[in-house]
Amino acid sequence: IPHRVQTIGYYAFGDCSGIVDLDLPEGLQTIGRVAFRDCTGLETLVLPASLTSIGDDYYPGSFAVCTRLARVLAPDALVKRAMADPAQVFKHCPVLATGYAWIPVLGPLLGGILAGFVFNLLG
């Protein structure tokens, strides 16, 4: 996804099973409703600090049914600002649903740029 993109619209990448690792660019502000729904190959997701909204009030499940998603890296402030209910954003993601937590990310992760948190499987 080019760095100049500010919005990813409704179902833009829905059913794209070939996406495995997704590092969304800084500058991205909005991820639309069900934008990545049913991306069943997605395992790792990196969300930029620039995001202001994910989904919408009607259906926030932008990453719903991403059945292999095991890790979501996001700055803590983003989660508080852009995700009213992370359980809805990642609805029907069974790997995340089996047990997850916010774990501090320290050191050289992503070239030392990201000092945020990892939303990760515990067990």
N, C-alpha and C. Protein backbone atom coordinates (compact mmCIF):
# COMPACT_ATOMS: atom_id res chain seq x y z
N ILE A 1 0.87 -1.17 0.00
CA ILE A 1 0.00 0.00 0.00
C ILE A 1 0.91 1.23 0.00
N PRO A 2 0.75 2.12 -0.96
CA PRO A 2 1.60 3.31 -1.05
C PRO A 2 1.46 4.22 0.18
N HIS A 3 2.53 4.92 0.50
CA HIS A 3 2.55 5.80 1.67
C HIS A 3 1.59 6.98 1.55
N ARG A 4 1.20 7.36 0.36
CA ARG A 4 0.31 8.50 0.18
C ARG A 4 -1.16 8.16 0.46
N VAL A 5 -1.48 6.88 0.60
CA VAL A 5 -2.86 6.46 0.86
C VAL A 5 -3.26 6.86 2.28
N GLN A 6 -4.41 7.55 2.40
CA GLN A 6 -4.90 7.98 3.70
C GLN A 6 -6.11 7.16 4.17
N THR A 7 -6.82 6.56 3.21
CA THR A 7 -8.02 5.80 3.55
C THR A 7 -8.05 4.48 2.78
N ILE A 8 -8.38 3.42 3.49
CA ILE A 8 -8.65 2.13 2.87
C ILE A 8 -10.14 1.90 3.04
N GLY A 9 -10.86 1.79 1.94
CA GLY A 9 -12.31 1.77 1.97
C GLY A 9 -12.94 0.42 2.28
N TYR A 10 -14.27 0.46 2.27
CA TYR A 10 -15.12 -0.68 2.55
C TYR A 10 -14.71 -1.90 1.73
N TYR A 11 -14.40 -2.98 2.40
CA TYR A 11 -14.08 -4.29 1.80
C TYR A 11 -12.98 -4.22 0.73
N ALA A 12 -12.08 -3.25 0.85
CA ALA A 12 -11.05 -3.02 -0.16
C ALA A 12 -10.17 -4.25 -0.41
N PHE A 13 -9.84 -4.98 0.65
CA PHE A 13 -9.00 -6.17 0.52
C PHE A 13 -9.70 -7.41 1.06
N GLY A 14 -11.00 -7.36 1.16
CA GLY A 14 -11.76 -8.49 1.66
C GLY A 14 -11.49 -9.76 0.85
N ASP A 15 -11.38 -10.88 1.52
CA ASP A 15 -11.16 -12.18 0.90
C ASP A 15 -9.80 -12.31 0.20
N CYS A 16 -8.84 -11.49 0.56
CA CYS A 16 -7.50 -11.60 -0.02
C CYS A 16 -6.68 -12.57 0.82
N SER A 17 -6.80 -13.82 0.53
CA SER A 17 -6.13 -14.85 1.34
C SER A 17 -4.62 -14.87 1.16
N GLY A 18 -4.10 -14.18 0.15
CA GLY A 18 -2.67 -14.16 -0.11
C GLY A 18 -1.88 -13.18 0.75
N ILE A 19 -2.56 -12.32 1.49
CA ILE A 19 -1.86 -11.39 2.38
C ILE A 19 -1.46 -12.14 3.64
N VAL A 20 -0.15 -12.17 3.94
CA VAL A 20 0.35 -12.89 5.11
C VAL A 20 0.83 -11.90 6.18
N ASP A 21 1.69 -10.98 5.80
CA ASP A 21 2.20 -9.96 6.71
C ASP A 21 1.81 -8.61 6.14
N LEU A 22 1.18 -7.79 6.96
CA LEU A 22 0.69 -6.50 6.50
C LEU A 22 1.22 -5.40 7.39
N ASP A 23 2.06 -4.54 6.82
CA ASP A 23 2.63 -3.40 7.52
C ASP A 23 2.04 -2.15 6.88
N LEU A 24 1.02 -1.59 7.50
CA LEU A 24 0.33 -0.45 6.93
C LEU A 24 1.16 0.82 7.10
N PRO A 25 1.16 1.70 6.09
CA PRO A 25 2.07 2.85 6.10
C PRO A 25 1.65 3.96 7.06
N GLU A 26 2.66 4.64 7.60
CA GLU A 26 2.41 5.84 8.39
C GLU A 26 1.77 6.86 7.46
N GLY A 27 0.80 7.58 7.95
CA GLY A 27 0.03 8.51 7.13
C GLY A 27 -1.38 8.01 6.88
N LEU A 28 -1.57 6.69 6.98
CA LEU A 28 -2.90 6.10 6.84
C LEU A 28 -3.76 6.57 8.01
N GLN A 29 -4.95 7.09 7.72
CA GLN A 29 -5.80 7.65 8.76
C GLN A 29 -7.03 6.80 9.06
N THR A 30 -7.59 6.16 8.03
CA THR A 30 -8.85 5.45 8.21
C THR A 30 -8.81 4.08 7.54
N ILE A 31 -9.28 3.08 8.26
CA ILE A 31 -9.50 1.75 7.69
C ILE A 31 -11.01 1.53 7.73
N GLY A 32 -11.61 1.35 6.57
CA GLY A 32 -13.05 1.23 6.46
C GLY A 32 -13.61 -0.08 7.00
N ARG A 33 -14.93 -0.08 7.08
CA ARG A 33 -15.65 -1.26 7.56
C ARG A 33 -15.30 -2.47 6.72
N VAL A 34 -15.02 -3.57 7.37
CA VAL A 34 -14.66 -4.87 6.78
C VAL A 34 -13.59 -4.78 5.69
N ALA A 35 -12.69 -3.82 5.79
CA ALA A 35 -11.66 -3.59 4.76
C ALA A 35 -10.77 -4.81 4.52
N PHE A 36 -10.50 -5.57 5.57
CA PHE A 36 -9.65 -6.76 5.45
C PHE A 36 -10.37 -8.02 5.93
N ARG A 37 -11.67 -8.01 5.91
CA ARG A 37 -12.45 -9.16 6.37
C ARG A 37 -12.12 -10.40 5.53
N ASP A 38 -12.04 -11.53 6.20
CA ASP A 38 -11.80 -12.82 5.54
C ASP A 38 -10.43 -12.91 4.85
N CYS A 39 -9.45 -12.17 5.35
CA CYS A 39 -8.08 -12.34 4.86
C CYS A 39 -7.49 -13.50 5.64
N THR A 40 -7.84 -14.69 5.23
CA THR A 40 -7.55 -15.90 6.01
C THR A 40 -6.08 -16.27 6.06
N GLY A 41 -5.23 -15.67 5.24
CA GLY A 41 -3.80 -15.93 5.30
C GLY A 41 -3.04 -14.96 6.19
N LEU A 42 -3.69 -13.89 6.60
CA LEU A 42 -3.04 -12.84 7.39
C LEU A 42 -2.61 -13.37 8.75
N GLU A 43 -1.31 -13.23 9.05
CA GLU A 43 -0.76 -13.69 10.32
C GLU A 43 -0.26 -12.57 11.20
N THR A 44 0.33 -11.53 10.59
CA THR A 44 0.90 -10.41 11.33
C THR A 44 0.41 -9.11 10.74
N LEU A 45 0.03 -8.18 11.62
CA LEU A 45 -0.49 -6.88 11.22
C LEU A 45 0.22 -5.79 12.00
N VAL A 46 0.73 -4.78 11.29
CA VAL A 46 1.34 -3.62 11.94
C VAL A 46 0.49 -2.41 11.59
N LEU A 47 -0.05 -1.76 12.62
CA LEU A 47 -0.90 -0.59 12.44
C LEU A 47 -0.11 0.68 12.74
N PRO A 48 -0.22 1.72 11.90
CA PRO A 48 0.54 2.95 12.11
C PRO A 48 -0.09 3.85 13.17
N ALA A 49 0.73 4.68 13.77
CA ALA A 49 0.26 5.62 14.79
C ALA A 49 -0.67 6.68 14.21
N SER A 50 -0.63 6.89 12.92
CA SER A 50 -1.45 7.93 12.28
C SER A 50 -2.93 7.58 12.18
N LEU A 51 -3.31 6.33 12.41
CA LEU A 51 -4.72 5.93 12.30
C LEU A 51 -5.60 6.69 13.28
N THR A 52 -6.75 7.14 12.78
CA THR A 52 -7.72 7.81 13.65
C THR A 52 -9.00 6.99 13.80
N SER A 53 -9.27 6.09 12.84
CA SER A 53 -10.46 5.24 12.99
C SER A 53 -10.29 3.93 12.24
N ILE A 54 -10.88 2.91 12.84
CA ILE A 54 -10.88 1.57 12.25
C ILE A 54 -12.32 1.09 12.28
N GLY A 55 -12.89 0.82 11.11
CA GLY A 55 -14.29 0.44 11.04
C GLY A 55 -15.19 1.63 11.28
N ASP A 56 -16.40 1.36 11.72
CA ASP A 56 -17.33 2.43 12.07
C ASP A 56 -18.22 1.96 13.21
N ASP A 57 -19.09 2.82 13.67
CA ASP A 57 -19.95 2.46 14.80
C ASP A 57 -20.91 1.33 14.46
N TYR A 58 -21.32 1.24 13.21
CA TYR A 58 -22.28 0.21 12.81
C TYR A 58 -21.64 -1.17 12.84
N TYR A 59 -20.44 -1.28 12.25
CA TYR A 59 -19.73 -2.56 12.24
C TYR A 59 -18.23 -2.30 12.18
N PRO A 60 -17.56 -2.37 13.31
CA PRO A 60 -16.14 -2.07 13.34
C PRO A 60 -15.23 -3.21 12.92
N GLY A 61 -15.76 -4.32 12.42
CA GLY A 61 -14.97 -5.53 12.17
C GLY A 61 -14.06 -5.47 10.97
N SER A 62 -13.18 -4.50 10.92
CA SER A 62 -12.29 -4.32 9.77
C SER A 62 -11.38 -5.51 9.51
N PHE A 63 -11.05 -6.26 10.56
CA PHE A 63 -10.18 -7.43 10.42
C PHE A 63 -10.90 -8.70 10.87
N ALA A 64 -12.21 -8.71 10.80
CA ALA A 64 -13.00 -9.87 11.21
C ALA A 64 -12.69 -11.07 10.33
N VAL A 65 -12.73 -12.25 10.91
CA VAL A 65 -12.57 -13.53 10.23
C VAL A 65 -11.19 -13.65 9.55
N CYS A 66 -10.18 -13.07 10.17
CA CYS A 66 -8.79 -13.29 9.74
C CYS A 66 -8.31 -14.46 10.59
N THR A 67 -8.58 -15.64 10.13
CA THR A 67 -8.48 -16.85 10.95
C THR A 67 -7.07 -17.24 11.38
N ARG A 68 -6.04 -16.70 10.75
CA ARG A 68 -4.65 -17.03 11.15
C ARG A 68 -3.96 -15.87 11.86
N LEU A 69 -4.64 -14.77 12.03
CA LEU A 69 -4.02 -13.59 12.63
C LEU A 69 -3.58 -13.89 14.06
N ALA A 70 -2.27 -13.78 14.30
CA ALA A 70 -1.71 -14.13 15.60
C ALA A 70 -1.06 -12.94 16.29
N ARG A 71 -0.68 -11.91 15.52
CA ARG A 71 0.02 -10.77 16.10
C ARG A 71 -0.45 -9.47 15.49
N VAL A 72 -0.76 -8.51 16.34
CA VAL A 72 -1.09 -7.17 15.90
C VAL A 72 -0.19 -6.21 16.67
N LEU A 73 0.64 -5.48 15.95
CA LEU A 73 1.52 -4.51 16.56
C LEU A 73 0.92 -3.13 16.36
N ALA A 74 0.76 -2.38 17.46
CA ALA A 74 0.15 -1.06 17.38
C ALA A 74 0.59 -0.22 18.57
N PRO A 75 0.84 1.06 18.34
CA PRO A 75 1.14 1.94 19.47
C PRO A 75 -0.05 1.98 20.43
N ASP A 76 0.21 2.04 21.71
CA ASP A 76 -0.84 2.03 22.71
C ASP A 76 -1.85 3.16 22.51
N ALA A 77 -1.38 4.34 22.15
CA ALA A 77 -2.27 5.48 21.95
C ALA A 77 -3.27 5.22 20.82
N LEU A 78 -2.86 4.47 19.82
CA LEU A 78 -3.74 4.14 18.70
C LEU A 78 -4.92 3.31 19.18
N VAL A 79 -4.65 2.35 19.99
CA VAL A 79 -5.71 1.46 20.47
C VAL A 79 -6.76 2.26 21.23
N LYS A 80 -6.32 3.15 22.07
CA LYS A 80 -7.25 3.98 22.84
C LYS A 80 -8.01 4.95 21.96
N ARG A 81 -7.37 5.46 20.91
CA ARG A 81 -7.97 6.47 20.05
C ARG A 81 -8.84 5.88 18.94
N ALA A 82 -8.37 4.85 18.28
CA ALA A 82 -9.02 4.37 17.06
C ALA A 82 -9.90 3.14 17.24
N MET A 83 -9.72 2.40 18.32
CA MET A 83 -10.48 1.16 18.50
C MET A 83 -11.31 1.24 19.77
N ALA A 84 -12.58 1.54 19.64
CA ALA A 84 -13.45 1.56 20.81
C ALA A 84 -13.57 0.17 21.41
N ASP A 85 -13.59 -0.85 20.56
CA ASP A 85 -13.74 -2.22 21.02
C ASP A 85 -12.89 -3.16 20.18
N PRO A 86 -11.64 -3.41 20.59
CA PRO A 86 -10.76 -4.29 19.80
C PRO A 86 -11.36 -5.66 19.53
N ALA A 87 -12.18 -6.17 20.44
CA ALA A 87 -12.80 -7.48 20.22
C ALA A 87 -13.70 -7.47 18.99
N GLN A 88 -14.30 -6.33 18.69
CA GLN A 88 -15.13 -6.23 17.49
C GLN A 88 -14.29 -6.03 16.23
N VAL A 89 -13.21 -5.26 16.35
CA VAL A 89 -12.33 -5.03 15.20
C VAL A 89 -11.76 -6.36 14.72
N PHE A 90 -11.45 -7.25 15.67
CA PHE A 90 -10.85 -8.55 15.35
C PHE A 90 -11.82 -9.70 15.62
N LYS A 91 -13.08 -9.48 15.39
CA LYS A 91 -14.12 -10.49 15.65
C LYS A 91 -13.89 -11.74 14.79
N HIS A 92 -14.09 -12.89 15.39
CA HIS A 92 -13.94 -14.18 14.71
C HIS A 92 -12.52 -14.42 14.21
N CYS A 93 -11.55 -13.96 14.99
CA CYS A 93 -10.14 -14.27 14.74
C CYS A 93 -9.74 -15.27 15.82
N PRO A 94 -9.90 -16.56 15.56
CA PRO A 94 -9.77 -17.57 16.61
C PRO A 94 -8.41 -17.65 17.28
N VAL A 95 -7.33 -17.35 16.57
CA VAL A 95 -6.01 -17.42 17.19
C VAL A 95 -5.88 -16.32 18.24
N LEU A 96 -6.31 -15.10 17.90
CA LEU A 96 -6.29 -14.01 18.88
C LEU A 96 -7.26 -14.29 20.02
N ALA A 97 -8.39 -14.87 19.72
CA ALA A 97 -9.43 -15.09 20.73
C ALA A 97 -9.05 -16.13 21.78
N THR A 98 -8.07 -16.99 21.49
CA THR A 98 -7.72 -18.03 22.45
C THR A 98 -6.94 -17.49 23.64
N GLY A 99 -6.47 -16.27 23.55
CA GLY A 99 -5.72 -15.66 24.65
C GLY A 99 -4.76 -14.63 24.11
N TYR A 100 -4.93 -13.40 24.53
CA TYR A 100 -4.06 -12.35 24.02
C TYR A 100 -3.86 -11.30 25.09
N ALA A 101 -2.85 -10.49 24.89
CA ALA A 101 -2.53 -9.44 25.85
C ALA A 101 -1.69 -8.38 25.16
N TRP A 102 -1.63 -7.24 25.78
CA TRP A 102 -0.73 -6.19 25.32
C TRP A 102 0.62 -6.44 25.98
N ILE A 103 1.65 -6.56 25.18
CA ILE A 103 2.99 -6.84 25.69
C ILE A 103 3.90 -5.71 25.21
N PRO A 104 4.67 -5.07 26.11
CA PRO A 104 5.54 -3.97 25.66
C PRO A 104 6.54 -4.43 24.61
N VAL A 105 6.73 -3.61 23.62
CA VAL A 105 7.72 -3.87 22.59
C VAL A 105 8.92 -2.96 22.87
N LEU A 106 10.07 -3.57 23.03
CA LEU A 106 11.29 -2.83 23.32
C LEU A 106 12.36 -3.19 22.31
N GLY A 107 13.37 -2.38 22.20
CA GLY A 107 14.52 -2.72 21.37
C GLY A 107 14.35 -2.43 19.90
N PRO A 108 14.99 -3.23 19.06
CA PRO A 108 15.12 -2.89 17.64
C PRO A 108 13.95 -3.33 16.76
N LEU A 109 12.81 -3.67 17.36
CA LEU A 109 11.68 -4.11 16.55
C LEU A 109 11.34 -3.06 15.50
N LEU A 110 11.19 -3.49 14.27
CA LEU A 110 10.90 -2.62 13.13
C LEU A 110 11.92 -1.50 13.02
N GLY A 111 13.17 -1.85 13.16
CA GLY A 111 14.23 -0.87 13.01
C GLY A 111 14.30 0.12 14.15
N GLY A 112 13.75 -0.22 15.29
CA GLY A 112 13.78 0.67 16.44
C GLY A 112 12.74 1.77 16.38
N ILE A 113 11.92 1.77 15.35
CA ILE A 113 10.95 2.85 15.16
C ILE A 113 9.73 2.68 16.05
N LEU A 114 9.24 1.48 16.17
CA LEU A 114 8.00 1.26 16.91
C LEU A 114 8.30 1.01 18.38
N ALA A 115 7.83 1.90 19.22
CA ALA A 115 7.92 1.69 20.66
C ALA A 115 6.48 1.64 21.14
N GLY A 116 5.82 0.59 20.85
CA GLY A 116 4.41 0.46 21.16
C GLY A 116 4.14 -0.81 21.92
N PHE A 117 3.17 -1.55 21.43
CA PHE A 117 2.78 -2.78 22.10
C PHE A 117 2.49 -3.86 21.09
N VAL A 118 2.57 -5.07 21.51
CA VAL A 118 2.24 -6.21 20.67
C VAL A 118 0.97 -6.86 21.21
N PHE A 119 0.02 -7.05 20.34
CA PHE A 119 -1.22 -7.73 20.66
C PHE A 119 -0.95 -9.16 20.24
N ASN A 120 -0.73 -10.06 21.17
CA ASN A 120 -0.14 -11.34 20.79
C ASN A 120 -0.78 -12.52 21.53
N LEU A 121 -0.70 -13.64 20.89
CA LEU A 121 -1.14 -14.90 21.47
C LEU A 121 -0.26 -15.26 22.65
N LEU A 122 -0.87 -15.65 23.76
CA LEU A 122 -0.10 -16.04 24.94
C LEU A 122 0.19 -17.53 24.96
N GLY A 123 -0.77 -18.34 24.56
CA GLY A 123 -0.59 -19.77 24.75
C GLY A 123 -0.36 -20.45 23.51
